[in-house]
Protein backbone atom coordinates (compact mmCIF):
# COMPACT_ATOMS: atom_id res chain seq x y z
CA MET A 1 -7.13 28.30 -228.98
CA LYS A 2 -10.80 27.27 -228.83
CA ASN A 3 -9.81 23.71 -227.90
CA PHE A 4 -7.54 24.96 -225.13
CA LEU A 5 -10.29 27.19 -223.73
CA LEU A 6 -12.83 24.36 -223.90
CA ALA A 7 -10.41 21.98 -222.15
CA ALA A 8 -9.75 24.55 -219.41
CA ILE A 9 -13.48 25.03 -218.82
CA VAL A 10 -14.11 21.27 -218.66
CA PHE A 11 -11.19 20.88 -216.23
CA LEU A 12 -12.53 23.64 -213.95
CA ILE A 13 -16.04 22.13 -213.92
CA ALA A 14 -14.62 18.67 -213.13
CA ALA A 15 -12.38 20.03 -210.36
CA THR A 16 -15.28 21.93 -208.80
CA GLY A 17 -17.44 18.80 -208.90
CA VAL A 18 -14.78 16.75 -207.13
CA SER A 19 -14.37 19.28 -204.31
CA ALA A 20 -18.14 19.45 -203.80
CA GLN A 21 -18.50 15.75 -203.05
CA ILE A 22 -20.04 14.86 -199.71
CA GLU A 23 -17.62 13.31 -197.24
CA ARG A 24 -18.83 9.99 -195.78
CA PRO A 25 -16.22 8.65 -193.37
CA VAL A 26 -18.67 6.19 -191.73
CA LYS A 27 -20.00 3.09 -193.49
CA TRP A 28 -22.96 1.16 -192.02
CA GLN A 29 -23.87 -2.52 -192.39
CA PHE A 30 -26.98 -4.18 -191.00
CA GLY A 31 -27.88 -7.79 -190.32
CA ALA A 32 -29.92 -10.07 -188.05
CA LYS A 33 -29.59 -13.46 -186.42
CA LYS A 34 -32.36 -15.54 -184.91
CA ILE A 35 -31.45 -16.74 -181.42
CA SER A 36 -34.64 -18.76 -180.89
CA LYS A 37 -37.90 -19.38 -182.73
CA ASP A 38 -39.36 -16.15 -181.36
CA GLU A 39 -36.31 -13.94 -180.71
CA ALA A 40 -33.64 -12.33 -182.88
CA VAL A 41 -30.84 -9.80 -182.61
CA VAL A 42 -30.44 -6.97 -185.12
CA PHE A 43 -26.81 -5.91 -185.67
CA MET A 44 -25.88 -2.36 -186.75
CA LYS A 45 -22.18 -2.06 -187.56
CA ALA A 46 -20.39 1.24 -188.17
CA THR A 47 -16.93 1.26 -189.75
CA MET A 48 -15.08 4.56 -189.58
CA ASP A 49 -12.29 5.78 -191.84
CA ASN A 50 -8.93 6.20 -190.14
CA GLY A 51 -8.95 9.20 -187.79
CA TRP A 52 -12.76 9.48 -187.57
CA HIS A 53 -15.11 8.58 -184.71
CA ILE A 54 -18.78 8.63 -183.74
CA TYR A 55 -20.27 9.14 -180.32
CA SER A 56 -21.92 6.78 -177.87
CA GLN A 57 -25.70 6.66 -177.41
CA HIS A 58 -25.13 7.87 -173.86
CA VAL A 59 -23.86 11.43 -174.20
CA GLU A 60 -25.10 13.99 -171.70
CA GLU A 61 -27.14 17.03 -172.68
CA GLY A 62 -24.93 19.84 -173.99
CA GLY A 63 -22.47 17.46 -175.62
CA PRO A 64 -22.01 16.34 -179.21
CA ILE A 65 -24.80 14.66 -181.19
CA LYS A 66 -25.05 11.14 -179.81
CA THR A 67 -25.70 8.08 -181.95
CA SER A 68 -29.40 7.19 -181.81
CA PHE A 69 -31.57 4.48 -183.29
CA THR A 70 -35.27 4.61 -184.15
CA PHE A 71 -37.23 1.55 -185.17
CA THR A 72 -40.36 1.65 -187.30
CA PRO A 73 -43.26 0.20 -185.26
CA SER A 74 -44.55 -3.15 -186.55
CA GLY A 75 -47.11 -5.72 -185.53
CA ASP A 76 -44.55 -8.42 -186.39
CA PHE A 77 -42.11 -7.76 -183.54
CA THR A 78 -41.47 -5.82 -180.35
CA LEU A 79 -38.21 -4.37 -179.11
CA VAL A 80 -36.68 -6.06 -176.08
CA GLY A 81 -34.84 -3.50 -173.95
CA GLN A 82 -32.60 -0.72 -175.27
CA THR A 83 -30.08 -0.88 -178.10
CA ALA A 84 -26.84 -2.28 -176.63
CA GLU A 85 -23.37 -0.96 -177.36
CA PRO A 86 -19.89 -2.03 -176.23
CA LYS A 87 -18.01 0.06 -173.68
CA PRO A 88 -16.89 3.26 -175.46
CA LYS A 89 -13.54 4.97 -175.23
CA VAL A 90 -13.82 8.19 -173.21
CA LYS A 91 -12.05 11.51 -173.71
CA HIS A 92 -12.44 15.03 -172.40
CA GLU A 93 -13.63 17.43 -175.08
CA GLU A 94 -12.90 20.98 -174.04
CA VAL A 95 -15.32 22.45 -176.59
CA PHE A 96 -18.18 20.75 -174.66
CA LYS A 97 -16.41 20.96 -171.27
CA MET A 98 -17.20 17.28 -170.56
CA ASP A 99 -15.99 13.73 -170.95
CA VAL A 100 -17.68 11.95 -173.87
CA GLY A 101 -17.84 8.33 -174.96
CA TYR A 102 -16.92 7.56 -178.56
CA PHE A 103 -16.04 4.75 -180.97
CA ASP A 104 -13.38 4.69 -183.68
CA LYS A 105 -12.46 2.08 -186.31
CA GLU A 106 -15.63 -0.01 -185.86
CA VAL A 107 -18.48 -0.66 -183.47
CA VAL A 108 -21.43 -3.05 -183.45
CA PHE A 109 -24.71 -2.02 -181.82
CA GLN A 110 -27.30 -4.73 -181.05
CA GLN A 111 -31.06 -4.65 -180.62
CA LYS A 112 -32.96 -7.69 -179.40
CA VAL A 113 -36.46 -8.20 -180.83
CA LYS A 114 -39.28 -10.58 -179.89
CA LEU A 115 -40.93 -12.01 -182.98
CA LYS A 116 -44.68 -12.36 -183.23
CA LYS A 117 -44.31 -14.47 -186.38
CA GLY A 118 -41.45 -16.45 -187.87
CA GLN A 119 -40.19 -13.92 -190.41
CA THR A 120 -40.23 -10.15 -190.58
CA THR A 121 -38.30 -7.11 -191.68
CA VAL A 122 -37.02 -4.74 -189.03
CA LYS A 123 -36.87 -1.18 -190.38
CA GLY A 124 -35.45 1.93 -188.81
CA ALA A 125 -32.85 4.67 -188.94
CA VAL A 126 -29.62 5.62 -187.22
CA GLU A 127 -28.61 9.25 -186.63
CA TYR A 128 -24.97 9.98 -185.83
CA MET A 129 -22.28 12.62 -186.06
CA ALA A 130 -18.78 11.87 -187.37
CA CYS A 131 -15.77 13.86 -186.18
CA ASP A 132 -12.02 13.79 -186.63
CA ALA A 133 -9.34 15.70 -184.71
CA GLU A 134 -10.10 18.94 -186.56
CA ARG A 135 -13.80 19.04 -187.37
CA CYS A 136 -17.22 17.46 -187.11
CA LEU A 137 -19.53 16.83 -190.04
CA PRO A 138 -23.22 17.72 -189.76
CA PRO A 139 -25.37 14.94 -188.27
CA ASP A 140 -26.33 12.27 -190.79
CA GLU A 141 -29.13 9.71 -190.90
CA VAL A 142 -29.06 6.29 -192.53
CA THR A 143 -32.19 4.17 -192.95
CA PHE A 144 -32.14 0.38 -192.87
CA ALA A 145 -34.34 -2.65 -193.46
CA VAL A 146 -33.12 -6.01 -192.10
CA ALA A 147 -34.80 -9.29 -192.99
CA VAL A 148 -35.19 -11.69 -190.07
CA LYS A 149 -35.71 -15.26 -191.27
């Protein structure tokens, strides 16, 4: 009887632990490519699980949390322009009473940088919110460090 009770307790603890795992339907990858001796492009790729999406960087006030990038200032490089994104899909979201741009499956954002020396590391963070047809997860932030050689 003691073994059965112990097994039941272990099972309940394990089951509770599994249900408490944090859901992460978006995976991020980061990379860079030099396009000249003093310029490079930093790539920030999001891959979403089936049925999930993230929002464009260009969502109006009062809408969902838009995807945003911050770059750690450095004396080794300067940002050239804004972070670029492909054309998003657009849908009307009644909860926000507006049309919003979003990406599903995968999206690649790009940031051009001007290099002040041949090699550097571009550091920063991306904040985003992932949603599916039924719910949205709280905003999440992922930090990155990309070597430019």
